[in-house]
C-alpha cells in the first residue's frame, strides 16, 4: 500500500516565493544585486576612488586638519546626543499614542510625520525664527541667558526635530503588537509596574528603539538644509561637516570635499555597526 504524497501548502505570505515564481531565483538575485550596485555600491566606490587619488600624507593632512576635527566633533557628538534624547522621548511619545486616548490624538499623531514632508530649509527657517531673540520661544529663553539660534544648541534643536519621527514610528508598531497578557501575568506574579516595564516590556522594545536611534542618527549626521540656516556656520564654533564639504566644493576643492565625505562615511559606518551589534546582543540576551 502506497502512502499519498505529503501535501506542502504554498506560503503565499512569503515575498521571496512570489518573486521566485515570477522571475526565477537567478533573475531575482541579479536584479537585486544590480540595483544595489548602481544605487549604492558604485557611488561609494567612486567617492573612495576620488579620495584615494591623493597621497596618504595629503589624505591624512586634510582629514585631520583642525577645522575638520572640529566639524567632526560638532556633527557626530551633537547627532549622537540628540539621537539618544529622541530614543527616550520618542519611546515615551509612542507609548502615550498607543496606550492612551485623548482629544486631538489623531491630529498630534499626524504632526509627528511633519519633518518627513517639510522641506529642510523651511524647517530651519522656522526654527531659527521661533528660537531667535525676538521669537516666541527665544524671547523667553533670552532673559535666562540661553541663546539657541546661530549656536550649537540650535543645531541640536534642528537634529531633534528632524530625527524624532524615526524613533516614534519604529517603536509604535512594536507596542501595538505587544501582548498585554504578558504584562498582566507579570502583575499577577507580584511584579510592580516599574519591574514589569524594565524586565518584560523594555527588552522587547530595545531592538526597535536602537533601530530608531540609528535611523535618527544617520539622518542628523547628513542634515544640511536646516542646520545651515539656524547655525552661524562659524569655524571652530558651530560649523558642521556637511557645510564644510559644501564650502570646499564652492572653492573647487573637490579632493578635500571628497576626503571629508569619506571620513564621515567611515565614522558613520563604524557607529552604525556598533548599534547593530548592540541590537544583535539584545536579541540574544532576550532569547536567553
Protein backbone atom coordinates (compact mmCIF):
# COMPACT_ATOMS: atom_id res chain seq x y z
CA UNK A 1 0.00 0.00 0.00
CA UNK A 2 1.45 3.33 -1.05
CA UNK A 3 1.01 6.40 1.06
CA UNK A 4 -0.35 9.58 -0.56
CA UNK A 5 2.23 12.23 -1.25
CA UNK A 6 2.76 14.72 1.50
CA UNK A 7 0.90 17.95 0.94
CA UNK A 8 3.06 21.01 1.40
CA UNK A 9 1.00 24.21 1.37
CA UNK A 10 2.35 27.16 -0.57
CA UNK A 11 3.08 30.06 1.72
CA UNK A 12 1.65 32.99 -0.17
CA UNK A 13 2.71 35.41 2.56
CA UNK A 14 6.39 34.94 1.81
CA UNK A 15 7.51 37.51 -0.78
CA UNK A 16 10.57 35.52 -1.79
CA UNK A 17 8.33 32.69 -3.02
CA UNK A 18 6.30 35.11 -5.13
CA UNK A 19 9.42 36.66 -6.65
CA UNK A 20 10.91 33.26 -7.39
CA UNK A 21 7.71 32.13 -9.08
CA UNK A 22 7.52 35.29 -11.20
CA UNK A 23 11.15 35.87 -12.16
CA UNK A 24 13.11 32.84 -11.02
CA UNK A 25 15.75 32.74 -8.33
CA UNK A 26 18.70 33.74 -10.51
CA UNK A 27 16.92 36.72 -12.08
CA UNK A 28 15.71 37.92 -8.68
CA UNK A 29 19.25 37.91 -7.31
CA UNK A 30 20.58 39.63 -10.43
CA UNK A 31 18.02 42.43 -10.25
CA UNK A 32 18.62 42.91 -6.51
CA UNK A 33 22.40 42.99 -6.76
CA UNK A 34 22.28 45.16 -9.87
CA UNK A 35 20.07 47.74 -8.19
CA UNK A 36 22.24 47.81 -5.06
CA UNK A 37 25.38 48.14 -7.17
CA UNK A 38 24.07 51.06 -9.24
CA UNK A 39 22.36 52.97 -6.44
CA UNK A 40 24.69 52.25 -3.51
CA UNK A 41 27.97 50.48 -4.16
CA UNK A 42 29.20 52.31 -7.26
CA UNK A 43 28.74 55.84 -5.81
CA UNK A 44 30.58 54.78 -2.64
CA UNK A 45 33.40 53.22 -4.65
CA UNK A 46 33.63 56.35 -6.80
CA UNK A 47 33.95 58.50 -3.69
CA UNK A 48 36.66 56.25 -2.26
CA UNK A 49 38.48 56.32 -5.60
CA UNK A 50 38.41 60.12 -5.70
CA UNK A 51 39.54 60.38 -2.07
CA UNK A 52 42.43 57.95 -2.58
CA UNK A 53 43.68 59.84 -5.65
CA UNK A 54 45.82 61.83 -3.22
CA UNK A 55 48.82 60.54 -1.35
CA UNK A 56 48.29 59.07 2.12
CA UNK A 57 50.09 62.06 3.64
CA UNK A 58 47.79 64.55 1.90
CA UNK A 59 44.72 62.48 2.79
CA UNK A 60 45.69 62.42 6.45
CA UNK A 61 46.51 66.13 6.46
CA UNK A 62 43.08 67.05 5.04
CA UNK A 63 41.16 64.59 7.22
CA UNK A 64 42.89 65.66 10.44
CA UNK A 65 43.11 69.39 9.87
CA UNK A 66 41.99 71.44 12.89
CA UNK A 67 38.85 72.74 11.22
CA UNK A 68 37.89 69.23 10.05
CA UNK A 69 38.36 67.76 13.53
CA UNK A 70 36.15 70.48 14.99
CA UNK A 71 33.39 69.76 12.48
CA UNK A 72 33.56 66.03 13.31
CA UNK A 73 33.05 66.87 16.96
CA UNK A 74 30.12 69.19 16.29
CA UNK A 75 28.48 66.81 13.82
CA UNK A 76 28.84 63.40 15.43
CA UNK A 77 28.67 64.32 19.09
CA UNK A 78 25.60 66.50 18.59
CA UNK A 79 23.92 63.90 16.38
CA UNK A 80 24.56 61.10 18.89
CA UNK A 81 23.31 63.11 21.87
CA UNK A 82 20.15 64.18 20.06
CA UNK A 83 19.55 60.61 18.83
CA UNK A 84 19.82 59.26 22.39
CA UNK A 85 17.50 62.00 23.63
CA UNK A 86 14.97 61.10 20.95
CA UNK A 87 15.38 57.45 21.92
CA UNK A 88 13.95 58.30 25.34
CA UNK A 89 11.33 60.88 24.44
CA UNK A 90 10.36 59.13 21.19
CA UNK A 91 9.63 55.94 23.13
CA UNK A 92 7.61 57.94 25.64
CA UNK A 93 5.59 59.60 22.87
CA UNK A 94 4.94 56.26 21.16
CA UNK A 95 3.82 54.80 24.50
CA UNK A 96 1.31 57.63 25.01
CA UNK A 97 -0.06 57.27 21.48
CA UNK A 98 -0.58 53.51 21.85
CA UNK A 99 -1.74 53.21 25.46
CA UNK A 100 -3.85 56.36 25.94
CA UNK A 101 -6.77 58.09 24.23
CA UNK A 102 -7.16 61.84 24.46
CA UNK A 103 -8.77 64.67 22.47
CA UNK A 104 -6.82 65.62 19.35
CA UNK A 105 -4.81 62.39 19.38
CA UNK A 106 -5.05 61.84 15.61
CA UNK A 107 -4.02 65.40 14.84
CA UNK A 108 -0.98 65.24 17.13
CA UNK A 109 -0.10 61.80 15.79
CA UNK A 110 -0.18 63.16 12.23
CA UNK A 111 2.12 66.07 13.12
CA UNK A 112 4.85 63.60 14.10
CA UNK A 113 5.38 62.94 10.38
CA UNK A 114 5.69 66.65 9.58
CA UNK A 115 9.53 66.62 9.44
CA UNK A 116 9.28 63.98 6.70
CA UNK A 117 7.17 66.22 4.45
CA UNK A 118 8.52 69.64 5.41
CA UNK A 119 11.42 70.90 3.27
CA UNK A 120 14.55 71.14 5.36
CA UNK A 121 15.16 74.79 4.50
CA UNK A 122 11.65 75.67 5.65
CA UNK A 123 12.22 73.77 8.89
CA UNK A 124 15.50 75.59 9.51
CA UNK A 125 13.99 78.98 8.77
CA UNK A 126 11.00 78.30 11.03
CA UNK A 127 13.09 77.06 13.94
CA UNK A 128 15.59 79.89 13.56
CA UNK A 129 12.72 82.39 13.73
CA UNK A 130 10.97 80.76 16.67
CA UNK A 131 14.17 80.38 18.71
CA UNK A 132 15.66 83.77 17.82
CA UNK A 133 16.00 86.51 20.41
CA UNK A 134 12.69 88.01 19.27
CA UNK A 135 10.95 84.68 18.61
CA UNK A 136 8.18 83.05 20.60
CA UNK A 137 10.47 80.67 22.46
CA UNK A 138 13.75 82.50 22.11
CA UNK A 139 12.36 85.63 23.78
CA UNK A 140 11.51 83.53 26.84
CA UNK A 141 14.98 82.00 26.98
CA UNK A 142 16.85 85.25 26.40
CA UNK A 143 16.35 86.61 29.96
CA UNK A 144 17.90 83.39 31.28
CA UNK A 145 20.98 83.89 29.12
CA UNK A 146 20.14 80.97 26.80
CA UNK A 147 20.70 81.61 23.10
CA UNK A 148 19.55 78.99 20.64
CA UNK A 149 19.58 80.37 17.12
CA UNK A 150 23.00 80.68 15.47
CA UNK A 151 24.65 78.50 18.11
CA UNK A 152 25.47 74.82 18.54
CA UNK A 153 22.36 74.50 20.67
CA UNK A 154 20.32 75.49 17.64
CA UNK A 155 21.89 72.63 15.68
CA UNK A 156 20.76 70.28 18.45
CA UNK A 157 17.20 71.59 18.20
CA UNK A 158 17.16 71.01 14.44
CA UNK A 159 18.57 67.48 14.77
CA UNK A 160 15.96 66.62 17.39
CA UNK A 161 13.21 67.97 15.15
CA UNK A 162 14.21 66.02 12.04
CA UNK A 163 15.06 62.70 13.75
CA UNK A 164 12.21 62.36 16.27
CA UNK A 165 9.75 60.65 13.85
CA UNK A 166 12.18 57.80 13.21
CA UNK A 167 12.04 56.62 16.83
CA UNK A 168 8.29 57.14 17.24
CA UNK A 169 7.35 55.35 14.02
CA UNK A 170 9.75 52.48 14.75
CA UNK A 171 8.62 51.84 18.33
CA UNK A 172 4.90 52.46 17.82
CA UNK A 173 4.11 49.30 15.75
CA UNK A 174 6.01 47.12 18.22
CA UNK A 175 3.95 48.50 21.10
CA UNK A 176 0.72 47.95 19.18
CA UNK A 177 1.57 44.30 18.54
CA UNK A 178 2.73 43.62 22.09
CA UNK A 179 0.55 41.19 24.02
CA UNK A 180 -0.94 42.81 27.11
CA UNK A 181 -1.46 39.38 28.71
CA UNK A 182 2.29 39.19 29.38
CA UNK A 183 2.11 42.34 31.48
CA UNK A 184 -0.93 41.07 33.37
CA UNK A 185 0.87 37.80 34.05
CA UNK A 186 3.83 39.72 35.48
CA UNK A 187 1.49 41.74 37.70
CA UNK A 188 -0.22 38.59 38.92
CA UNK A 189 3.17 37.20 39.93
CA UNK A 190 3.78 40.23 42.14
CA UNK A 191 5.86 42.44 39.85
CA UNK A 192 5.39 46.17 40.14
CA UNK A 193 4.69 48.37 37.14
CA UNK A 194 8.32 49.53 37.05
CA UNK A 195 9.62 45.95 37.23
CA UNK A 196 7.20 44.89 34.51
CA UNK A 197 8.36 47.66 32.21
CA UNK A 198 12.06 47.11 32.93
CA UNK A 199 12.12 43.31 32.69
CA UNK A 200 9.22 42.48 30.37
CA UNK A 201 8.42 45.41 28.08
CA UNK A 202 11.77 47.14 27.61
CA UNK A 203 13.71 44.06 26.36
CA UNK A 204 11.11 43.60 23.64
CA UNK A 205 11.24 47.28 22.72
CA UNK A 206 15.02 47.67 22.78
CA UNK A 207 15.69 46.42 19.20
CA UNK A 208 13.09 48.85 17.84
CA UNK A 209 14.46 51.70 19.98
CA UNK A 210 18.01 51.06 18.77
CA UNK A 211 16.78 50.93 15.18
CA UNK A 212 15.04 54.28 15.58
CA UNK A 213 18.12 55.78 17.24
CA UNK A 214 20.33 54.53 14.39
CA UNK A 215 17.98 55.95 11.74
CA UNK A 216 17.71 59.27 13.56
CA UNK A 217 21.48 59.47 14.00
CA UNK A 218 22.06 58.82 10.29
CA UNK A 219 19.50 61.45 9.37
CA UNK A 220 21.05 64.03 11.71
CA UNK A 221 24.62 63.45 10.50
CA UNK A 222 23.70 64.11 6.89
CA UNK A 223 21.40 67.08 7.53
CA UNK A 224 22.39 70.25 5.70
CA UNK A 225 19.44 72.40 4.62
CA UNK A 226 18.08 73.26 8.06
CA UNK A 227 21.34 73.36 10.03
CA UNK A 228 22.97 75.79 7.62
CA UNK A 229 20.19 78.30 8.38
CA UNK A 230 19.95 78.01 12.16
CA UNK A 231 23.72 77.87 12.73
CA UNK A 232 26.15 80.75 12.35
CA UNK A 233 28.50 78.40 10.42
CA UNK A 234 31.49 79.84 12.26
CA UNK A 235 34.62 77.65 12.12
CA UNK A 236 35.68 76.14 15.46
CA UNK A 237 32.28 77.05 16.91
CA UNK A 238 29.21 75.52 15.22
CA UNK A 239 30.37 74.57 11.74
CA UNK A 240 29.20 71.07 10.82
CA UNK A 241 30.91 68.70 8.40
CA UNK A 242 28.27 68.81 5.60
CA UNK A 243 28.58 72.61 5.48
CA UNK A 244 32.39 72.32 5.39
CA UNK A 245 32.07 69.93 2.44
CA UNK A 246 29.86 72.41 0.62
CA UNK A 247 32.34 75.21 1.31
CA UNK A 248 35.15 73.11 -0.14
CA UNK A 249 33.07 72.48 -3.24
CA UNK A 250 32.46 76.22 -3.64
CA UNK A 251 36.24 76.66 -3.56
CA UNK A 252 36.60 73.94 -6.25
CA UNK A 253 38.49 71.79 -3.75
CA UNK A 254 36.85 68.58 -4.89
CA UNK A 255 39.53 66.33 -3.41
CA UNK A 256 39.24 67.98 0.01
CA UNK A 257 35.45 67.70 -0.02
CA UNK A 258 35.67 64.04 -1.02
CA UNK A 259 38.20 63.27 1.72
CA UNK A 260 36.00 64.79 4.42
CA UNK A 261 32.96 62.99 2.99
CA UNK A 262 34.86 59.71 3.10
CA UNK A 263 35.77 60.27 6.74
CA UNK A 264 32.11 60.99 7.52
CA UNK A 265 31.10 57.78 5.77
CA UNK A 266 33.65 55.65 7.62
CA UNK A 267 32.80 57.07 11.06
CA UNK A 268 29.06 56.68 10.39
CA UNK A 269 29.50 53.07 9.30
CA UNK A 270 31.52 52.26 12.42
CA UNK A 271 28.90 53.81 14.72
CA UNK A 272 26.02 52.10 12.90
CA UNK A 273 27.90 48.80 13.07
CA UNK A 274 28.22 49.25 16.83
CA UNK A 275 24.48 49.91 17.13
CA UNK A 276 23.73 46.80 15.06
CA UNK A 277 25.97 44.74 17.32
CA UNK A 278 24.04 46.07 20.32
CA UNK A 279 20.81 45.03 18.60
CA UNK A 280 22.14 41.52 17.97
CA UNK A 281 23.34 41.27 21.56
CA UNK A 282 19.95 42.45 22.80
CA UNK A 283 18.09 39.81 20.77
CA UNK A 284 20.48 37.11 22.00
CA UNK A 285 20.07 38.26 25.59
CA UNK A 286 16.29 38.38 25.21
CA UNK A 287 16.17 34.80 23.89
CA UNK A 288 18.42 33.60 26.71
